[in-house]
Amino acid sequence: MLIPPGTILLLSAMASRFTPPTRAQQLAAIGLTMGLPQPLQRALEPRDDFLPIPEPEPSDWLRNHTEVGQTFDQFTRSLPSRPDNHRSKLYLQPLGRFNESDGPALDQLRRFAAAFFMMEVVVVPPSDWAQNHITSRRNPWTGQAQLLTGDILNALEARLPKDAFALLGITMTDLYPEPSWNFVFGQASLRDRMGVYSFARYDPSFYGQAPTADSRKLMLRRSCKVLAHETCHMFGIEHCVWFRCLMNGSNHLAESDSRPLHLCPVDLRKLQWSIGLDVVERYQRLLNFHRREGFEDEAQWLDKRLRFTAPHNGSRDTR
């Protein structure tokens, strides 16, 4: 999420200065792993594959928001929502226009989410947001059309399938959470298991630029990031302060781009505990997705991590 223009200096003065965690603090956040299956133990061992979180710049999230971090033990004690036999699917609800020429292909997002969360992901037919009494405005700085996130979440509530763990609204229209805000990339209602995410600002045409092959790949990568980040919140996973991680908070697009597309050991353990997923199979499926879409840096990272997590299994390219 972003903060309104003009408030960064004020918030910087109010927020306490963030100090990157020590290795001992990182390991304590992961928690004791003795007794876990060996592949999971190895997947949770940081080694040098997970970069430390750096000192934040003046406009960055942790310079403007005081966050102490959520350990694995704190996460489990919070009694977060978990999928079960009755609520086991993720649903993607496109809102408004969603042509492949305008944004990431819905099937790409479905395949990514299915690999990331190791759950069945269903794409439902697009919905016309204009017919759902959703408040809109023109952004006072960009002049772009925007939709009010609270109204969208209210509209999604009536559409939540009985077998859904979560319903995720996705749109190519810009979003705002209240009149004083400039915009947000996404917003989720954790209690109601719903969220809405906009890919509008990942589209070069939003800034008056012509799309290219590279920009479309970057747009897909950014879209996958916000989809996974905000959906993780619905599992009760808070922002990460332990490593460079998909769950780091971000105040601006450059900060969001600097986050990796993978989870650190702390948050991987939270997701694995929530779903009971096989970490080796998950890494393999994500590796196949990243190779297919040309995300070579993430593919190389996953290949290295997979070979350490399951040294006798290796990685198989099943494109």
Protein backbone atom coordinates (compact mmCIF):
# COMPACT_ATOMS: atom_id res chain seq x y z
CA MET A 1 0.00 0.00 0.00
CA LEU A 2 1.07 3.58 -0.57
CA ILE A 3 0.69 6.60 1.65
CA PRO A 4 -0.71 9.97 0.53
CA PRO A 5 1.76 12.44 -1.05
CA GLY A 6 3.22 14.92 1.39
CA THR A 7 3.08 12.68 4.44
CA ILE A 8 6.41 10.86 4.14
CA LEU A 9 8.44 13.36 6.16
CA LEU A 10 5.84 13.48 8.93
CA LEU A 11 5.65 9.70 9.17
CA SER A 12 9.43 9.43 9.10
CA ALA A 13 9.59 11.60 12.18
CA MET A 14 6.89 9.55 13.93
CA ALA A 15 8.15 6.05 13.13
CA SER A 16 10.97 4.53 15.15
CA ARG A 17 14.13 3.77 13.21
CA PHE A 18 14.22 0.23 11.86
CA THR A 19 17.21 -1.94 12.75
CA PRO A 20 17.79 -4.99 10.53
CA PRO A 21 17.58 -8.24 12.55
CA THR A 22 20.60 -10.27 13.58
CA ARG A 23 21.08 -13.87 12.44
CA ALA A 24 20.01 -15.03 15.91
CA GLN A 25 16.78 -13.05 15.61
CA GLN A 26 16.14 -14.49 12.14
CA LEU A 27 16.58 -18.05 13.40
CA ALA A 28 14.35 -17.37 16.40
CA ALA A 29 11.66 -16.07 14.02
CA ILE A 30 11.82 -19.32 12.02
CA GLY A 31 11.47 -21.31 15.24
CA LEU A 32 12.68 -24.76 16.21
CA THR A 33 12.63 -27.22 13.28
CA MET A 34 13.71 -30.42 15.03
CA GLY A 35 11.24 -33.19 14.36
CA LEU A 36 10.06 -31.80 11.03
CA PRO A 37 10.51 -33.89 7.86
CA GLN A 38 14.05 -33.50 6.53
CA PRO A 39 13.08 -31.71 3.26
CA LEU A 40 11.09 -29.16 5.25
CA GLN A 41 13.96 -28.71 7.72
CA ARG A 42 16.32 -28.03 4.82
CA ALA A 43 13.83 -25.68 3.14
CA LEU A 44 13.73 -23.62 6.35
CA GLU A 45 17.52 -23.40 6.68
CA PRO A 46 18.48 -19.89 5.49
CA ARG A 47 22.11 -20.46 4.40
CA ASP A 48 23.09 -17.65 1.99
CA ASP A 49 20.09 -18.01 -0.31
CA PHE A 50 18.04 -15.37 1.54
CA LEU A 51 19.36 -11.84 1.51
CA PRO A 52 19.23 -9.69 4.64
CA ILE A 53 16.76 -6.85 4.68
CA PRO A 54 18.67 -3.57 4.23
CA GLU A 55 18.43 -0.27 6.03
CA PRO A 56 15.34 1.47 4.56
CA GLU A 57 15.61 4.64 2.50
CA PRO A 58 13.60 7.75 3.59
CA SER A 59 10.61 6.93 1.37
CA ASP A 60 10.61 3.17 2.07
CA TRP A 61 7.97 1.27 4.01
CA LEU A 62 9.98 0.52 7.15
CA ARG A 63 11.16 4.12 7.46
CA ASN A 64 7.52 5.22 7.61
CA HIS A 65 5.77 2.33 9.38
CA THR A 66 6.79 0.82 12.70
CA GLU A 67 6.70 -2.98 12.37
CA VAL A 68 8.33 -5.38 14.83
CA GLY A 69 7.74 -8.50 12.73
CA GLN A 70 5.71 -11.67 13.19
CA THR A 71 7.57 -14.83 14.18
CA PHE A 72 6.31 -18.28 13.25
CA ASP A 73 5.31 -18.94 16.86
CA GLN A 74 3.39 -15.67 17.06
CA PHE A 75 1.66 -16.56 13.80
CA THR A 76 0.41 -19.93 15.02
CA ARG A 77 -0.74 -18.44 18.34
CA SER A 78 -2.87 -15.92 16.43
CA LEU A 79 -5.14 -18.77 15.22
CA PRO A 80 -5.13 -17.69 11.56
CA SER A 81 -7.61 -18.93 8.96
CA ARG A 82 -6.61 -22.19 7.28
CA PRO A 83 -8.07 -24.06 4.29
CA ASP A 84 -10.10 -27.14 5.20
CA ASN A 85 -12.25 -29.78 3.50
CA HIS A 86 -15.09 -27.29 3.07
CA ARG A 87 -13.12 -24.17 2.09
CA SER A 88 -10.26 -25.34 -0.08
CA LYS A 89 -10.20 -23.26 -3.28
CA LEU A 90 -8.93 -19.87 -4.37
CA TYR A 91 -11.20 -17.97 -6.77
CA LEU A 92 -10.06 -15.22 -9.14
CA GLN A 93 -12.79 -12.71 -10.05
CA PRO A 94 -11.85 -10.38 -12.95
CA LEU A 95 -13.50 -6.95 -12.60
CA GLY A 96 -14.20 -4.87 -15.68
CA ARG A 97 -12.19 -5.24 -18.87
CA PHE A 98 -9.45 -7.85 -18.70
CA ASN A 99 -8.28 -8.57 -22.22
CA GLU A 100 -4.90 -10.28 -22.61
CA SER A 101 -3.81 -7.29 -24.67
CA ASP A 102 -4.46 -5.05 -21.64
CA GLY A 103 -2.97 -7.08 -18.84
CA PRO A 104 -1.53 -10.45 -17.76
CA ALA A 105 -3.36 -13.48 -19.12
CA LEU A 106 -5.79 -14.92 -16.61
CA ASP A 107 -4.42 -18.40 -17.19
CA GLN A 108 -0.90 -17.20 -16.32
CA LEU A 109 -2.18 -15.81 -13.02
CA ARG A 110 -4.13 -18.99 -12.33
CA ARG A 111 -1.10 -21.23 -12.96
CA PHE A 112 1.14 -19.05 -10.81
CA ALA A 113 -1.31 -18.94 -7.89
CA ALA A 114 -1.91 -22.70 -8.11
CA ALA A 115 1.85 -23.37 -7.88
CA PHE A 116 2.54 -20.75 -5.21
CA PHE A 117 -0.25 -21.84 -2.85
CA MET A 118 -0.53 -25.48 -3.97
CA MET A 119 -4.31 -25.10 -4.09
CA GLU A 120 -6.96 -25.38 -6.77
CA VAL A 121 -7.48 -21.96 -8.38
CA VAL A 122 -10.70 -21.19 -10.28
CA VAL A 123 -11.15 -18.22 -12.63
CA VAL A 124 -14.80 -17.11 -12.71
CA PRO A 125 -16.41 -15.09 -15.54
CA PRO A 126 -15.63 -11.34 -15.55
CA SER A 127 -17.95 -9.00 -13.65
CA ASP A 128 -18.93 -5.48 -14.74
CA TRP A 129 -18.00 -3.35 -11.74
CA ALA A 130 -20.11 -0.45 -13.02
CA GLN A 131 -23.26 -2.48 -12.27
CA ASN A 132 -22.29 -3.15 -8.64
CA HIS A 133 -22.68 0.39 -7.25
CA ILE A 134 -18.94 0.85 -6.80
CA THR A 135 -17.82 4.41 -6.14
CA SER A 136 -15.38 5.79 -8.68
CA ARG A 137 -13.39 9.00 -9.08
CA ARG A 138 -10.68 10.61 -11.17
CA ASN A 139 -7.35 10.63 -9.37
CA PRO A 140 -6.58 14.28 -8.61
CA TRP A 141 -2.89 13.86 -9.58
CA THR A 142 -3.01 11.47 -12.56
CA GLY A 143 -6.52 12.02 -13.88
CA GLN A 144 -6.93 8.23 -14.16
CA ALA A 145 -10.20 6.51 -13.23
CA GLN A 146 -10.14 4.79 -9.82
CA LEU A 147 -12.44 2.47 -7.87
CA LEU A 148 -13.09 2.53 -4.12
CA THR A 149 -11.78 -0.70 -2.59
CA GLY A 150 -14.35 -0.86 0.23
CA ASP A 151 -17.23 -0.93 -2.24
CA ILE A 152 -15.54 -3.70 -4.23
CA LEU A 153 -15.04 -5.82 -1.10
CA ASN A 154 -18.72 -5.35 -0.24
CA ALA A 155 -19.70 -6.49 -3.75
CA LEU A 156 -17.41 -9.52 -3.53
CA GLU A 157 -18.91 -10.58 -0.20
CA ALA A 158 -22.16 -11.51 -1.93
CA ARG A 159 -20.22 -13.63 -4.47
CA LEU A 160 -18.08 -15.69 -2.09
CA PRO A 161 -18.51 -19.37 -3.07
CA LYS A 162 -19.19 -21.82 -0.25
CA ASP A 163 -16.05 -23.84 -1.05
CA ALA A 164 -13.78 -20.79 -1.30
CA PHE A 165 -10.96 -20.21 1.12
CA ALA A 166 -10.63 -16.80 -0.52
CA LEU A 167 -12.12 -14.75 -3.36
CA LEU A 168 -9.64 -12.46 -5.12
CA GLY A 169 -10.89 -9.59 -7.24
CA ILE A 170 -8.42 -8.52 -9.94
CA THR A 171 -8.75 -5.45 -12.14
CA MET A 172 -6.95 -3.26 -14.65
CA THR A 173 -8.55 -0.15 -13.09
CA ASP A 174 -6.64 1.85 -10.49
CA LEU A 175 -7.78 1.63 -6.83
CA TYR A 176 -8.02 3.91 -3.79
CA PRO A 177 -9.06 3.01 -0.20
CA GLU A 178 -10.37 6.43 0.92
CA PRO A 179 -10.47 9.99 -0.44
CA SER A 180 -7.28 11.12 1.32
CA TRP A 181 -5.17 8.40 -0.32
CA ASN A 182 -3.47 8.59 -3.69
CA PHE A 183 -3.86 4.89 -4.56
CA VAL A 184 -3.26 1.31 -3.38
CA PHE A 185 -2.07 -1.74 -5.30
CA GLY A 186 -4.48 -3.93 -3.33
CA GLN A 187 -6.49 -4.38 -0.17
CA ALA A 188 -7.76 -7.46 1.63
CA SER A 189 -10.41 -8.21 4.25
CA LEU A 190 -8.79 -10.94 6.32
CA ARG A 191 -11.90 -11.78 8.33
CA ASP A 192 -14.07 -12.16 5.22
CA ARG A 193 -11.37 -13.89 3.11
CA MET A 194 -11.64 -11.46 0.22
CA GLY A 195 -9.25 -9.13 -1.52
CA VAL A 196 -8.97 -6.88 -4.55
CA TYR A 197 -5.80 -6.10 -6.48
CA SER A 198 -5.13 -3.71 -9.34
CA PHE A 199 -2.55 -4.24 -12.07
CA ALA A 200 -3.22 -0.81 -13.63
CA ARG A 201 0.08 0.80 -12.59
CA TYR A 202 2.03 -2.13 -13.98
CA ASP A 203 0.79 -1.30 -17.50
CA PRO A 204 3.13 1.01 -19.51
CA SER A 205 0.08 2.71 -21.04
CA PHE A 206 -0.81 4.01 -17.57
CA TYR A 207 2.23 6.28 -17.93
CA GLY A 208 1.69 6.96 -21.62
CA GLN A 209 4.30 4.43 -22.79
CA ALA A 210 3.98 1.86 -25.56
CA PRO A 211 4.12 -1.77 -24.34
CA THR A 212 7.07 -3.98 -25.28
CA ALA A 213 7.86 -7.66 -24.78
CA ASP A 214 10.06 -6.80 -21.79
CA SER A 215 7.47 -4.50 -20.25
CA ARG A 216 4.78 -7.17 -20.55
CA LYS A 217 7.01 -9.69 -18.78
CA LEU A 218 7.68 -7.13 -16.06
CA MET A 219 3.95 -6.49 -15.77
CA LEU A 220 3.27 -10.20 -15.29
CA ARG A 221 6.00 -10.44 -12.65
CA ARG A 222 4.58 -7.45 -10.76
CA SER A 223 1.06 -8.85 -11.03
CA CYS A 224 2.15 -12.20 -9.62
CA LYS A 225 3.86 -10.40 -6.75
CA VAL A 226 0.86 -8.38 -5.63
CA LEU A 227 -1.46 -11.37 -6.07
CA ALA A 228 0.72 -13.61 -3.87
CA HIS A 229 1.55 -10.88 -1.33
CA GLU A 230 -2.03 -9.84 -0.68
CA THR A 231 -3.33 -13.41 -0.67
CA CYS A 232 -0.72 -14.35 1.94
CA HIS A 233 -2.24 -11.69 4.16
CA MET A 234 -5.51 -13.65 4.06
CA PHE A 235 -3.68 -16.56 5.64
CA GLY A 236 -2.78 -14.23 8.51
CA ILE A 237 0.81 -13.69 7.35
CA GLU A 238 1.95 -10.17 8.23
CA HIS A 239 4.67 -8.06 6.62
CA CYS A 240 8.15 -9.53 6.88
CA VAL A 241 11.05 -7.74 8.57
CA TRP A 242 13.41 -10.74 8.75
CA PHE A 243 14.81 -11.14 5.21
CA ARG A 244 14.38 -9.82 1.68
CA CYS A 245 11.01 -11.44 1.07
CA LEU A 246 7.86 -11.26 -1.00
CA MET A 247 6.09 -10.21 2.20
CA ASN A 248 8.16 -7.05 2.74
CA GLY A 249 5.96 -3.96 2.83
CA SER A 250 6.34 -1.40 0.05
CA ASN A 251 5.54 2.29 -0.25
CA HIS A 252 6.29 2.71 -3.95
CA LEU A 253 6.79 0.77 -7.16
CA ALA A 254 10.59 0.75 -7.02
CA GLU A 255 10.47 -0.76 -3.54
CA SER A 256 7.95 -3.34 -4.71
CA ASP A 257 10.20 -4.23 -7.67
CA SER A 258 13.12 -4.80 -5.31
CA ARG A 259 11.27 -7.57 -3.45
CA PRO A 260 11.90 -11.14 -4.61
CA LEU A 261 9.09 -13.36 -5.86
CA HIS A 262 9.74 -15.97 -3.17
CA LEU A 263 9.07 -16.31 0.55
CA CYS A 264 11.76 -16.26 3.21
CA PRO A 265 12.02 -19.27 5.59
CA VAL A 266 9.84 -17.58 8.24
CA ASP A 267 6.93 -17.00 5.89
CA LEU A 268 7.42 -20.23 3.96
CA ARG A 269 6.98 -22.07 7.25
CA LYS A 270 3.77 -20.13 7.96
CA LEU A 271 2.32 -21.01 4.57
CA GLN A 272 3.39 -24.66 4.83
CA TRP A 273 1.80 -24.94 8.28
CA SER A 274 -1.41 -23.38 6.98
CA ILE A 275 -1.83 -25.61 3.94
CA GLY A 276 0.28 -28.68 4.70
CA LEU A 277 1.96 -28.36 1.33
CA ASP A 278 4.93 -30.36 0.05
CA VAL A 279 7.78 -27.82 -0.13
CA VAL A 280 9.72 -29.83 -2.71
CA GLU A 281 6.76 -30.21 -5.08
CA ARG A 282 5.95 -26.52 -4.61
CA TYR A 283 9.47 -25.44 -5.52
CA GLN A 284 9.38 -27.71 -8.57
CA ARG A 285 6.06 -26.33 -9.81
CA LEU A 286 7.21 -22.75 -9.29
CA LEU A 287 10.49 -23.53 -11.08
CA ASN A 288 8.56 -24.81 -14.09
CA PHE A 289 6.36 -21.69 -14.11
CA HIS A 290 9.28 -19.26 -13.89
CA ARG A 291 11.20 -21.05 -16.64
CA ARG A 292 8.17 -20.99 -18.92
CA GLU A 293 7.58 -17.27 -18.34
CA GLY A 294 11.25 -16.30 -18.63
CA PHE A 295 11.82 -15.25 -15.00
CA GLU A 296 15.38 -16.57 -15.15
CA ASP A 297 16.65 -15.06 -11.89
CA GLU A 298 13.86 -16.68 -9.89
CA ALA A 299 14.26 -19.94 -11.84
CA GLN A 300 18.00 -20.07 -10.99
CA TRP A 301 17.26 -19.29 -7.33
CA LEU A 302 14.61 -22.03 -7.17
CA ASP A 303 16.86 -24.55 -8.91
CA LYS A 304 19.62 -23.93 -6.38
CA ARG A 305 17.22 -24.04 -3.48
CA LEU A 306 15.53 -27.19 -4.74
CA ARG A 307 18.84 -29.01 -5.09
CA PHE A 308 19.64 -28.18 -1.46
CA THR A 309 16.15 -28.98 -0.14
CA ALA A 310 15.93 -32.35 -1.95
CA PRO A 311 19.52 -33.22 -2.95
CA HIS A 312 18.59 -36.72 -4.16
CA ASN A 313 15.58 -35.50 -6.09
CA GLY A 314 17.15 -32.77 -8.22
CA SER A 315 15.02 -30.52 -10.36
CA ARG A 316 13.14 -31.66 -13.42
CA ASP A 317 12.10 -29.42 -16.26
CA THR A 318 8.60 -30.58 -17.19
CA ARG A 319 7.64 -27.71 -19.43
